[in-house]
């Protein structure tokens, strides 16, 4: 028979990934790992085993957790996203519980539990109004670009803009919901001329990183990381703008690396999660552009990602080149 442990007989601290993001990269999931640190302060107590479970389900999707390892998986529910406005950023949460079993000196089996909330952020890929994008004719403000214009890409030269859309976010809303705040990449923060002046991106907008450390850690010379995951680099931070802002999505014929005022940043990638964030009108507009090849939440995503997509905890291992050389 198992009894609840006496007060402070089994102490538990949960560590690991307590946040995740869904940003448009297939598969349509966010994952993380949790660990439990167990302290048995009373002499003679013996740890038996731990078991993980979902104690409170998410609202906008579903969650599972491996009872033995603590690895959790969050899956977005398509129906919940059909009604979202284009570019809307949402958060979802669920709760996990770990049960720790231990024997007292007399052989009695006791259990203690601890819970942890997991927060999932779902966000589109957006440039902030005023960002300079390298086009065939030179750098142009993102709000001046139109469908049919050609922008410069890292891999395939000039490519045509197939679709461009924007959404406004009021300053008051950003104060209430920090997930809406942009990331500021200060002038020269990523290297000389990268960027040429301060630029602002949505937190989940991926930028290209490269170098020996990337290849050593991940087996690829280049990789894409979310802007918010580089805030441990000097000159990269999340800020509250002085005024309202407008986010812009740029869609090309495939996922590409653009030049955003000297910073290599991705175009909109229509993986499944990004599709969930588009309104019905936006999906219909895409259907008229791409005909039968239109990606949809019910079908496959939008081709292949231009580079390896790093998770948040992976990006945290990459030091700024200047710091790595110090």
Foldseek 3Di string as FASTA:
>chain_A
DEAADPPPQKDKDKDWAQEWEQEAADDQKTKIFIDIDIDGPDPQKFWDAKFKAWPFAKDQFGKGAHGHGRMMMTGGDLVSLQAAAAFDKDKIKTKMKMKTWMAHNVGHIYIDMDMGMHMYIYGYWWWWFQWWWQFPVGTDTPVPDDFQTWGQFPPPGTFTFLDKDKDKDWLVVCVVPVQAFWKWQAAQQQHHPQANGITTIRQQWWFKDADPVCCVQPVDRIEIEGLVLCCVGPRIGTDRDPGIIMIMATDTLAWTFTQGNNTTTIHTWFALSSQSNYYPVVQVSQCVRPPPPRDHNVDGTGDHHPHHYDTSVSSNVDYRPVVVVD
